[in-house]
C-alpha atoms as a PDB file:
ATOM      1  CA  MET A   1     -11.647  49.787  19.470  1.00  0.00           C
ATOM      2  CA  GLY A   2      -8.108  51.194  19.468  1.00  0.00           C
ATOM      3  CA  ASP A   3      -6.585  48.475  21.606  1.00  0.00           C
ATOM      4  CA  SER A   4      -8.194  45.709  19.470  1.00  0.00           C
ATOM      5  CA  MET A   5      -6.718  46.585  16.275  1.00  0.00           C
ATOM      6  CA  PRO A   6      -3.108  46.106  17.194  1.00  0.00           C
ATOM      7  CA  SER A   7      -4.063  42.873  18.889  1.00  0.00           C
ATOM      8  CA  PHE A   8      -5.717  41.512  15.880  1.00  0.00           C
ATOM      9  CA  ARG A   9      -2.522  42.820  13.723  1.00  0.00           C
ATOM     10  CA  GLN A  10      -0.180  40.864  16.300  1.00  0.00           C
ATOM     11  CA  ASN A  11      -2.377  37.647  15.881  1.00  0.00           C
ATOM     12  CA  LYS A  12      -2.046  37.800  12.282  1.00  0.00           C
ATOM     13  CA  LYS A  13       1.660  38.043  12.534  1.00  0.00           C
ATOM     14  CA  THR A  14       1.574  35.258  14.973  1.00  0.00           C
ATOM     15  CA  ILE A  15      -0.526  33.122  12.887  1.00  0.00           C
ATOM     16  CA  PHE A  16       1.701  33.897   9.706  1.00  0.00           C
ATOM     17  CA  MET A  17       4.838  32.730  11.842  1.00  0.00           C
ATOM     18  CA  LEU A  18       3.254  29.410  12.779  1.00  0.00           C
ATOM     19  CA  VAL A  19       1.951  28.670   9.508  1.00  0.00           C
ATOM     20  CA  PHE A  20       4.705  29.965   7.248  1.00  0.00           C
ATOM     21  CA  PRO A  21       7.222  26.992   8.006  1.00  0.00           C
ATOM     22  CA  GLY A  22       4.968  24.198   7.485  1.00  0.00           C
ATOM     23  CA  PHE A  23       3.263  26.176   4.116  1.00  0.00           C
ATOM     24  CA  ALA A  24       6.914  26.486   2.972  1.00  0.00           C
ATOM     25  CA  LEU A  25       7.879  22.808   3.510  1.00  0.00           C
ATOM     26  CA  PHE A  26       4.926  21.752   1.769  1.00  0.00           C
ATOM     27  CA  LEU A  27       5.537  24.106  -0.877  1.00  0.00           C
ATOM     28  CA  PHE A  28       9.035  22.924  -1.487  1.00  0.00           C
ATOM     29  CA  ALA A  29       8.664  19.412  -0.470  1.00  0.00           C
ATOM     30  CA  VAL A  30       5.297  18.586  -2.500  1.00  0.00           C
ATOM     31  CA  LEU A  31       4.123  21.173  -4.771  1.00  0.00           C
ATOM     32  CA  PHE A  32       7.207  22.504  -6.475  1.00  0.00           C
ATOM     33  CA  PRO A  33       8.681  19.078  -7.224  1.00  0.00           C
ATOM     34  CA  ILE A  34       4.899  18.079  -8.672  1.00  0.00           C
ATOM     35  CA  GLY A  35       5.109  21.374 -10.895  1.00  0.00           C
ATOM     36  CA  LEU A  36       8.637  20.184 -11.981  1.00  0.00           C
ATOM     37  CA  SER A  37       7.650  16.704 -12.737  1.00  0.00           C
ATOM     38  CA  ILE A  38       4.650  18.196 -14.909  1.00  0.00           C
ATOM     39  CA  TYR A  39       7.034  20.396 -16.597  1.00  0.00           C
ATOM     40  CA  TYR A  40       9.239  17.693 -17.555  1.00  0.00           C
ATOM     41  CA  ALA A  41       6.400  15.414 -18.468  1.00  0.00           C
ATOM     42  CA  LEU A  42       5.785  17.958 -21.361  1.00  0.00           C
ATOM     43  CA  THR A  43       9.413  17.590 -22.780  1.00  0.00           C
ATOM     44  CA  ASP A  44      11.432  14.443 -24.578  1.00  0.00           C
ATOM     45  CA  TRP A  45      14.364  14.929 -22.182  1.00  0.00           C
ATOM     46  CA  SER A  46      16.220  11.844 -21.538  1.00  0.00           C
ATOM     47  CA  GLY A  47      17.782  12.965 -18.353  1.00  0.00           C
ATOM     48  CA  ILE A  48      20.849  14.553 -19.851  1.00  0.00           C
ATOM     49  CA  GLY A  49      21.441  17.122 -22.525  1.00  0.00           C
ATOM     50  CA  SER A  50      18.934  19.649 -24.256  1.00  0.00           C
ATOM     51  CA  LEU A  51      15.295  18.946 -23.929  1.00  0.00           C
ATOM     52  CA  ASN A  52      12.331  19.635 -26.360  1.00  0.00           C
ATOM     53  CA  PHE A  53       8.785  20.846 -25.562  1.00  0.00           C
ATOM     54  CA  ILE A  54       6.385  18.266 -27.117  1.00  0.00           C
ATOM     55  CA  GLY A  55       3.147  19.010 -25.354  1.00  0.00           C
ATOM     56  CA  LEU A  56       0.929  16.118 -24.111  1.00  0.00           C
ATOM     57  CA  GLU A  57       2.687  13.498 -26.496  1.00  0.00           C
ATOM     58  CA  ASN A  58       3.940  11.596 -23.261  1.00  0.00           C
ATOM     59  CA  PHE A  59       0.643  11.421 -21.673  1.00  0.00           C
ATOM     60  CA  LYS A  60      -0.867  10.138 -24.991  1.00  0.00           C
ATOM     61  CA  HIS A  61       1.901   7.452 -25.227  1.00  0.00           C
ATOM     62  CA  ALA A  62       1.002   6.430 -21.685  1.00  0.00           C
ATOM     63  CA  PHE A  63      -2.423   5.997 -22.513  1.00  0.00           C
ATOM     64  CA  GLN A  64      -1.586   3.554 -25.310  1.00  0.00           C
ATOM     65  CA  ASP A  65       1.281   1.728 -23.482  1.00  0.00           C
ATOM     66  CA  ARG A  66       0.234  -1.783 -22.911  1.00  0.00           C
ATOM     67  CA  ILE A  67       2.527  -2.287 -19.957  1.00  0.00           C
ATOM     68  CA  PHE A  68       1.313   1.074 -18.144  1.00  0.00           C
ATOM     69  CA  TRP A  69      -2.100  -0.658 -18.196  1.00  0.00           C
ATOM     70  CA  LYS A  70      -0.558  -3.696 -17.234  1.00  0.00           C
ATOM     71  CA  SER A  71       0.887  -2.224 -14.213  1.00  0.00           C
ATOM     72  CA  ILE A  72      -2.271  -0.675 -12.941  1.00  0.00           C
ATOM     73  CA  LYS A  73      -4.050  -3.797 -13.508  1.00  0.00           C
ATOM     74  CA  ASN A  74      -1.255  -5.654 -11.483  1.00  0.00           C
ATOM     75  CA  ALA A  75      -1.886  -2.926  -8.459  1.00  0.00           C
ATOM     76  CA  ALA A  76      -5.586  -3.595  -8.667  1.00  0.00           C
ATOM     77  CA  THR A  77      -5.169  -7.337  -8.367  1.00  0.00           C
ATOM     78  CA  LEU A  78      -2.745  -6.674  -5.188  1.00  0.00           C
ATOM     79  CA  ALA A  79      -5.358  -4.095  -3.695  1.00  0.00           C
ATOM     80  CA  LEU A  80      -8.193  -6.694  -4.229  1.00  0.00           C
ATOM     81  CA  LEU A  81      -6.425  -9.724  -2.992  1.00  0.00           C
ATOM     82  CA  THR A  82      -5.184  -7.892   0.082  1.00  0.00           C
ATOM     83  CA  VAL A  83      -8.665  -6.802   0.916  1.00  0.00           C
ATOM     84  CA  THR A  84     -10.347 -10.038   0.422  1.00  0.00           C
ATOM     85  CA  ILE A  85      -7.846 -12.467   1.629  1.00  0.00           C
ATOM     86  CA  GLN A  86      -5.217 -10.606   3.824  1.00  0.00           C
ATOM     87  CA  HIS A  87      -7.636  -8.644   6.023  1.00  0.00           C
ATOM     88  CA  PRO A  88     -10.467 -11.147   6.834  1.00  0.00           C
ATOM     89  CA  ILE A  89      -7.532 -13.345   8.092  1.00  0.00           C
ATOM     90  CA  ALA A  90      -5.919 -10.335   9.951  1.00  0.00           C
ATOM     91  CA  PHE A  91      -9.186  -9.355  11.600  1.00  0.00           C
ATOM     92  CA  LEU A  92      -9.653 -12.977  12.796  1.00  0.00           C
ATOM     93  CA  PHE A  93      -6.149 -13.117  14.380  1.00  0.00           C
ATOM     94  CA  ALA A  94      -6.772  -9.877  16.264  1.00  0.00           C
ATOM     95  CA  LEU A  95     -10.126 -11.411  17.559  1.00  0.00           C
ATOM     96  CA  LEU A  96      -7.990 -14.363  18.526  1.00  0.00           C
ATOM     97  CA  LEU A  97      -5.281 -12.564  20.192  1.00  0.00           C
ATOM     98  CA  ASP A  98      -7.518 -10.191  22.214  1.00  0.00           C
ATOM     99  CA  ARG A  99      -9.451 -13.387  23.645  1.00  0.00           C
ATOM    100  CA  ILE A 100      -6.003 -15.295  24.248  1.00  0.00           C
ATOM    101  CA  GLY A 101      -4.601 -12.966  26.279  1.00  0.00           C
ATOM    102  CA  GLY A 102      -1.412 -13.238  28.641  1.00  0.00           C
ATOM    103  CA  LYS A 103       1.808 -13.898  27.460  1.00  0.00           C
ATOM    104  CA  VAL A 104       0.751 -15.813  24.671  1.00  0.00           C
ATOM    105  CA  GLU A 105      -1.097 -12.977  23.154  1.00  0.00           C
ATOM    106  CA  LYS A 106       2.288 -10.867  23.544  1.00  0.00           C
ATOM    107  CA  MET A 107       4.379 -13.534  21.996  1.00  0.00           C
ATOM    108  CA  PHE A 108       2.066 -13.874  18.813  1.00  0.00           C
ATOM    109  CA  LYS A 109       1.807 -10.093  18.615  1.00  0.00           C
ATOM    110  CA  THR A 110       5.581  -9.934  18.314  1.00  0.00           C
ATOM    111  CA  ILE A 111       5.451 -12.943  15.914  1.00  0.00           C
ATOM    112  CA  PHE A 112       3.153 -11.071  13.469  1.00  0.00           C
ATOM    113  CA  PHE A 113       4.805  -8.060  13.398  1.00  0.00           C
ATOM    114  CA  ILE A 114       8.740  -9.498  12.729  1.00  0.00           C
ATOM    115  CA  PRO A 115       8.112  -9.086   8.991  1.00  0.00           C
ATOM    116  CA  CYS A 116       7.083  -5.148   9.408  1.00  0.00           C
ATOM    117  CA  VAL A 117      10.291  -4.311  11.370  1.00  0.00           C
ATOM    118  CA  ILE A 118      12.733  -6.585   9.147  1.00  0.00           C
ATOM    119  CA  SER A 119      14.211  -4.514   6.066  1.00  0.00           C
ATOM    120  CA  ILE A 120      12.342  -5.358   2.680  1.00  0.00           C
ATOM    121  CA  MET A 121      15.681  -5.905   1.157  1.00  0.00           C
ATOM    122  CA  VAL A 122      16.123  -8.525   3.752  1.00  0.00           C
ATOM    123  CA  THR A 123      12.699 -10.065   3.374  1.00  0.00           C
ATOM    124  CA  SER A 124      12.797  -9.780  -0.588  1.00  0.00           C
ATOM    125  CA  LYS A 125      16.075 -11.594  -0.990  1.00  0.00           C
ATOM    126  CA  MET A 126      14.948 -14.089   1.614  1.00  0.00           C
ATOM    127  CA  TRP A 127      11.754 -14.847  -0.594  1.00  0.00           C
ATOM    128  CA  VAL A 128      13.838 -14.853  -3.787  1.00  0.00           C
ATOM    129  CA  SER A 129      15.832 -18.009  -2.192  1.00  0.00           C
ATOM    130  CA  ILE A 130      12.728 -19.747  -0.934  1.00  0.00           C
ATOM    131  CA  TYR A 131      11.332 -19.572  -4.711  1.00  0.00           C
ATOM    132  CA  ASN A 132      14.368 -20.522  -6.169  1.00  0.00           C
ATOM    133  CA  ALA A 133      13.553 -23.390  -8.533  1.00  0.00           C
ATOM    134  CA  GLN A 134      17.017 -25.497  -8.078  1.00  0.00           C
ATOM    135  CA  TYR A 135      17.462 -25.022  -4.247  1.00  0.00           C
ATOM    136  CA  GLY A 136      14.359 -23.143  -2.872  1.00  0.00           C
ATOM    137  CA  LEU A 137      13.156 -24.083   0.221  1.00  0.00           C
ATOM    138  CA  LEU A 138       9.650 -24.131  -1.252  1.00  0.00           C
ATOM    139  CA  ASN A 139      10.354 -26.734  -4.030  1.00  0.00           C
ATOM    140  CA  LYS A 140      12.070 -28.806  -1.501  1.00  0.00           C
ATOM    141  CA  VAL A 141       9.498 -29.013   0.655  1.00  0.00           C
ATOM    142  CA  LEU A 142       6.927 -30.106  -1.773  1.00  0.00           C
ATOM    143  CA  THR A 143       9.206 -32.870  -2.784  1.00  0.00           C
ATOM    144  CA  LEU A 144       9.511 -34.127   0.727  1.00  0.00           C
ATOM    145  CA  LEU A 145       5.847 -33.983   0.905  1.00  0.00           C
ATOM    146  CA  GLN A 146       5.460 -36.054  -2.090  1.00  0.00           C
ATOM    147  CA  LEU A 147       4.252 -33.072  -3.944  1.00  0.00           C
ATOM    148  CA  GLY A 148       6.831 -32.564  -6.287  1.00  0.00           C
ATOM    149  CA  PHE A 149       4.085 -32.033  -9.361  1.00  0.00           C
ATOM    150  CA  LEU A 150       3.673 -28.622  -7.742  1.00  0.00           C
ATOM    151  CA  LYS A 151       6.836 -27.512  -8.206  1.00  0.00           C
ATOM    152  CA  GLN A 152       7.024 -24.239 -10.253  1.00  0.00           C
ATOM    153  CA  GLN A 153       9.496 -21.686 -11.445  1.00  0.00           C
ATOM    154  CA  TRP A 154       7.665 -19.330  -9.058  1.00  0.00           C
ATOM    155  CA  LEU A 155       9.403 -16.276 -10.148  1.00  0.00           C
ATOM    156  CA  GLY A 156      10.217 -17.134 -13.756  1.00  0.00           C
ATOM    157  CA  ASP A 157       7.057 -18.282 -14.949  1.00  0.00           C
ATOM    158  CA  PRO A 158       4.719 -15.269 -16.225  1.00  0.00           C
ATOM    159  CA  GLY A 159       1.502 -17.257 -15.389  1.00  0.00           C
ATOM    160  CA  ILE A 160       2.289 -17.371 -11.649  1.00  0.00           C
ATOM    161  CA  VAL A 161       4.847 -14.719 -10.833  1.00  0.00           C
ATOM    162  CA  LEU A 162       2.489 -12.060 -10.165  1.00  0.00           C
ATOM    163  CA  TYR A 163       0.731 -14.132  -7.455  1.00  0.00           C
ATOM    164  CA  SER A 164       4.189 -15.446  -5.955  1.00  0.00           C
ATOM    165  CA  LEU A 165       4.911 -11.746  -5.800  1.00  0.00           C
ATOM    166  CA  ILE A 166       1.493 -10.712  -4.080  1.00  0.00           C
ATOM    167  CA  LEU A 167       2.233 -13.472  -1.478  1.00  0.00           C
ATOM    168  CA  ILE A 168       5.534 -11.653  -0.172  1.00  0.00           C
ATOM    169  CA  MET A 169       4.190  -8.386  -0.138  1.00  0.00           C
ATOM    170  CA  MET A 170       0.745  -9.670   1.791  1.00  0.00           C
ATOM    171  CA  TRP A 171       3.080 -11.405   4.293  1.00  0.00           C
ATOM    172  CA  GLN A 172       5.238  -8.268   4.705  1.00  0.00           C
ATOM    173  CA  GLY A 173       2.333  -6.194   5.379  1.00  0.00           C
ATOM    174  CA  PHE A 174       0.366  -8.868   7.431  1.00  0.00           C
ATOM    175  CA  GLY A 175       1.587  -7.517  10.708  1.00  0.00           C
ATOM    176  CA  TRP A 176       0.288  -3.821  10.212  1.00  0.00           C
ATOM    177  CA  ALA A 177      -3.188  -5.137   9.383  1.00  0.00           C
ATOM    178  CA  VAL A 178      -3.534  -7.202  12.612  1.00  0.00           C
ATOM    179  CA  LEU A 179      -1.861  -4.590  14.709  1.00  0.00           C
ATOM    180  CA  ILE A 180      -4.582  -2.233  13.393  1.00  0.00           C
ATOM    181  CA  TYR A 181      -7.229  -4.439  13.894  1.00  0.00           C
ATOM    182  CA  TYR A 182      -6.114  -5.371  17.410  1.00  0.00           C
ATOM    183  CA  ALA A 183      -5.765  -1.725  18.572  1.00  0.00           C
ATOM    184  CA  GLY A 184      -9.567  -1.088  17.248  1.00  0.00           C
ATOM    185  CA  VAL A 185     -10.778  -4.206  19.067  1.00  0.00           C
ATOM    186  CA  LYS A 186      -8.925  -3.333  22.321  1.00  0.00           C
ATOM    187  CA  SER A 187     -10.604   0.113  22.250  1.00  0.00           C
ATOM    188  CA  LEU A 188     -14.228  -1.229  22.086  1.00  0.00           C
ATOM    189  CA  PRO A 189     -15.933  -0.795  25.180  1.00  0.00           C
ATOM    190  CA  GLU A 190     -16.718  -3.799  27.210  1.00  0.00           C
ATOM    191  CA  ASP A 191     -20.026  -2.895  28.807  1.00  0.00           C
ATOM    192  CA  VAL A 192     -21.543  -3.133  25.310  1.00  0.00           C
ATOM    193  CA  PHE A 193     -20.471  -6.981  25.085  1.00  0.00           C
ATOM    194  CA  GLU A 194     -21.940  -7.654  28.750  1.00  0.00           C
ATOM    195  CA  ALA A 195     -24.820  -6.117  27.808  1.00  0.00           C
ATOM    196  CA  SER A 196     -25.068  -8.375  24.583  1.00  0.00           C
ATOM    197  CA  ARG A 197     -24.170 -11.532  26.533  1.00  0.00           C
ATOM    198  CA  ILE A 198     -27.069 -10.722  29.345  1.00  0.00           C
ATOM    199  CA  ASP A 199     -29.596 -10.294  26.058  1.00  0.00           C
ATOM    200  CA  GLY A 200     -28.543 -13.989  25.248  1.00  0.00           C
ATOM    201  CA  ALA A 201     -26.568 -13.267  21.715  1.00  0.00           C
ATOM    202  CA  ASN A 202     -24.142 -15.581  20.869  1.00  0.00           C
ATOM    203  CA  ARG A 203     -20.671 -15.164  19.696  1.00  0.00           C
ATOM    204  CA  LEU A 204     -21.471 -14.683  15.844  1.00  0.00           C
ATOM    205  CA  GLN A 205     -24.304 -12.337  16.514  1.00  0.00           C
ATOM    206  CA  THR A 206     -22.028 -10.437  18.776  1.00  0.00           C
ATOM    207  CA  LEU A 207     -19.283 -10.207  16.158  1.00  0.00           C
ATOM    208  CA  PHE A 208     -21.661  -9.345  13.189  1.00  0.00           C
ATOM    209  CA  TYR A 209     -24.009  -7.118  14.963  1.00  0.00           C
ATOM    210  CA  ILE A 210     -21.710  -5.390  17.470  1.00  0.00           C
ATOM    211  CA  THR A 211     -18.056  -5.751  16.974  1.00  0.00           C
ATOM    212  CA  ILE A 212     -17.836  -5.263  13.249  1.00  0.00           C
ATOM    213  CA  PRO A 213     -20.329  -2.028  13.196  1.00  0.00           C
ATOM    214  CA  LEU A 214     -18.143  -0.537  15.964  1.00  0.00           C
ATOM    215  CA  LEU A 215     -14.862  -1.159  13.744  1.00  0.00           C
ATOM    216  CA  GLN A 216     -16.417   0.283  10.987  1.00  0.00           C
ATOM    217  CA  PRO A 217     -14.047   3.255  11.178  1.00  0.00           C
ATOM    218  CA  VAL A 218     -11.076   1.039  11.753  1.00  0.00           C
ATOM    219  CA  ILE A 219     -11.843  -1.043   8.809  1.00  0.00           C
ATOM    220  CA  ALA A 220     -12.248   2.020   6.546  1.00  0.00           C
ATOM    221  CA  VAL A 221      -8.975   3.460   7.542  1.00  0.00           C
ATOM    222  CA  ASN A 222      -6.966  -0.129   7.310  1.00  0.00           C
ATOM    223  CA  VAL A 223      -8.738  -0.679   3.629  1.00  0.00           C
ATOM    224  CA  ILE A 224      -7.992   2.707   2.360  1.00  0.00           C
ATOM    225  CA  TRP A 225      -4.183   2.082   3.533  1.00  0.00           C
ATOM    226  CA  ALA A 226      -4.117  -1.135   1.754  1.00  0.00           C
ATOM    227  CA  ILE A 227      -5.440   0.055  -1.714  1.00  0.00           C
ATOM    228  CA  ILE A 228      -3.153   2.895  -1.696  1.00  0.00           C
ATOM    229  CA  SER A 229      -0.143   0.843  -0.579  1.00  0.00           C
ATOM    230  CA  SER A 230      -0.856  -1.633  -3.230  1.00  0.00           C
ATOM    231  CA  LEU A 231      -0.982   1.198  -5.826  1.00  0.00           C
ATOM    232  CA  LYS A 232       2.628   2.827  -4.447  1.00  0.00           C
ATOM    233  CA  GLN A 233       4.517  -0.812  -4.388  1.00  0.00           C
ATOM    234  CA  MET A 234       7.936  -0.746  -5.739  1.00  0.00           C
ATOM    235  CA  GLU A 235      10.763  -2.095  -3.505  1.00  0.00           C
ATOM    236  CA  THR A 236       9.618  -5.627  -3.570  1.00  0.00           C
ATOM    237  CA  ILE A 237       9.159  -5.681  -7.039  1.00  0.00           C
ATOM    238  CA  TYR A 238      12.350  -3.918  -7.726  1.00  0.00           C
ATOM    239  CA  LEU A 239      14.391  -6.392  -5.664  1.00  0.00           C
ATOM    240  CA  THR A 240      12.691  -9.508  -6.958  1.00  0.00           C
ATOM    241  CA  THR A 241      11.770  -9.467 -10.255  1.00  0.00           C
ATOM    242  CA  ASN A 242      12.196  -5.875 -11.222  1.00  0.00           C
ATOM    243  CA  GLY A 243       8.760  -6.284 -13.197  1.00  0.00           C
ATOM    244  CA  GLY A 244       9.932  -9.633 -15.071  1.00  0.00           C
ATOM    245  CA  PRO A 245       9.616 -11.910 -16.706  1.00  0.00           C
ATOM    246  CA  GLY A 246       8.307  -9.908 -19.552  1.00  0.00           C
ATOM    247  CA  ASN A 247       6.834  -7.318 -17.895  1.00  0.00           C
ATOM    248  CA  ALA A 248       4.230  -9.818 -16.103  1.00  0.00           C
ATOM    249  CA  SER A 249       4.940  -8.440 -12.611  1.00  0.00           C
ATOM    250  CA  GLN A 250       5.221  -5.022 -13.417  1.00  0.00           C
ATOM    251  CA  PHE A 251       3.783  -2.187 -11.054  1.00  0.00           C
ATOM    252  CA  LEU A 252       3.574   1.672 -11.910  1.00  0.00           C
ATOM    253  CA  ALA A 253       6.281   2.901  -9.522  1.00  0.00           C
ATOM    254  CA  ASN A 254       8.807   0.481 -10.752  1.00  0.00           C
ATOM    255  CA  TYR A 255       7.885   1.003 -14.217  1.00  0.00           C
ATOM    256  CA  LEU A 256       8.296   4.867 -14.052  1.00  0.00           C
ATOM    257  CA  TYR A 257      11.613   4.162 -12.409  1.00  0.00           C
ATOM    258  CA  ILE A 258      12.366   1.948 -15.308  1.00  0.00           C
ATOM    259  CA  LYS A 259      11.613   4.216 -18.003  1.00  0.00           C
ATOM    260  CA  ALA A 260      13.461   7.519 -16.318  1.00  0.00           C
ATOM    261  CA  PHE A 261      16.427   5.886 -14.944  1.00  0.00           C
ATOM    262  CA  ASP A 262      17.104   2.693 -16.911  1.00  0.00           C
ATOM    263  CA  ALA A 263      15.585   3.789 -20.607  1.00  0.00           C
ATOM    264  CA  TYR A 264      16.510   7.353 -20.068  1.00  0.00           C
ATOM    265  CA  GLU A 265      13.151   8.627 -20.963  1.00  0.00           C
ATOM    266  CA  PHE A 266      12.959  11.051 -18.197  1.00  0.00           C
ATOM    267  CA  GLY A 267      10.022  13.023 -19.899  1.00  0.00           C
ATOM    268  CA  TYR A 268       7.805   9.775 -20.153  1.00  0.00           C
ATOM    269  CA  GLY A 269       8.935   8.609 -16.676  1.00  0.00           C
ATOM    270  CA  ASN A 270       7.566  12.069 -15.499  1.00  0.00           C
ATOM    271  CA  ALA A 271       4.544  11.739 -17.382  1.00  0.00           C
ATOM    272  CA  ILE A 272       3.735   8.339 -15.765  1.00  0.00           C
ATOM    273  CA  SER A 273       4.583   9.811 -12.192  1.00  0.00           C
ATOM    274  CA  VAL A 274       2.163  12.595 -12.900  1.00  0.00           C
ATOM    275  CA  LEU A 275      -0.616  10.034 -13.841  1.00  0.00           C
ATOM    276  CA  PHE A 276       0.668   7.941 -11.005  1.00  0.00           C
ATOM    277  CA  VAL A 277      -0.469  11.144  -8.445  1.00  0.00           C
ATOM    278  CA  VAL A 278      -3.843  11.342 -10.217  1.00  0.00           C
ATOM    279  CA  VAL A 279      -4.628   7.714  -9.839  1.00  0.00           C
ATOM    280  CA  CYS A 280      -3.710   7.701  -6.146  1.00  0.00           C
ATOM    281  CA  LEU A 281      -5.815  10.974  -5.398  1.00  0.00           C
ATOM    282  CA  ILE A 282      -8.833   9.800  -7.384  1.00  0.00           C
ATOM    283  CA  THR A 283      -8.477   6.547  -5.607  1.00  0.00           C
ATOM    284  CA  THR A 284      -8.293   8.087  -2.201  1.00  0.00           C
ATOM    285  CA  VAL A 285     -11.057  10.566  -3.026  1.00  0.00           C
ATOM    286  CA  VAL A 286     -13.397   7.651  -4.375  1.00  0.00           C
ATOM    287  CA  LEU A 287     -12.664   5.523  -1.207  1.00  0.00           C
ATOM    288  CA  ASN A 288     -13.353   8.260   1.229  1.00  0.00           C
ATOM    289  CA  LYS A 289     -16.462   9.108  -0.178  1.00  0.00           C
ATOM    290  CA  PHE A 290     -17.500   5.450  -0.259  1.00  0.00           C
ATOM    291  CA  PHE A 291     -16.797   4.831   3.288  1.00  0.00           C
ATOM    292  CA  LYS A 292     -18.194   8.304   4.181  1.00  0.00           C
ATOM    293  CA  LYS A 293     -21.572   7.099   2.639  1.00  0.00           C
ATOM    294  CA  ASP A 294     -21.666   3.738   4.077  1.00  0.00           C
ATOM    295  CA  PHE A 295     -20.086   3.468   7.426  1.00  0.00           C
ATOM    296  CA  TYR A 296     -20.706   7.301   8.868  1.00  0.00           C
END
């Protein structure tokens, strides 16, 4: 008994020494900034000078702010289109890559992943040039194809600017979606497919009754990642339209940046950031519960 007590105390010290650095990092890099943001959200601080405590006024203003809700709606639209359009296409390409094999497989993997490794600044500016109404490649191609009636102000028309931006962001993230599905497909046990072929299952039956059910955990991870990424989008918006024209393409992260650092409404910007964190947390919890219920 006497020997076990020092050993227990020594283990406690060891555990503390191992846990403390990570906890301290989490405290100062995550919890402290969130707490500071909540504090500033309760003030009218402009970012400079004195501040006054105004309670929940910034949060009340956010719930009445049309642009705040527009930003959430735009993020939800991006998430919906990503999950319903980008991911099914990425899934099919992952299956095709696995079936092709050889050097062609490696070549297409590289091609699909190129947009993911190029700087977002470079790809965003490239798409701004492509979309340019006067000299942009897209309108020129439409003219060459005798489809000039389809020419648009792609980033200048409030009616289509959001979908033009969504196309950019889906293109930028397409390689990641393909890579995750491809890794999932490659991890599937071959003996299951051999058994299905022996039993006479065709390709569609194999896809819907074997491949997709086995890939459900991968699908869950990819879908959750896509939705959370849609909520956090900022760089592409900032580098292309900055939320314009008329906030038609505004997203939450970009909007809080504008309010905090361009409009000098630092308190209100922090209130939006707190709500932003809450929205992300709620979305993550709901998605995890949904996929845990239906997939596991």
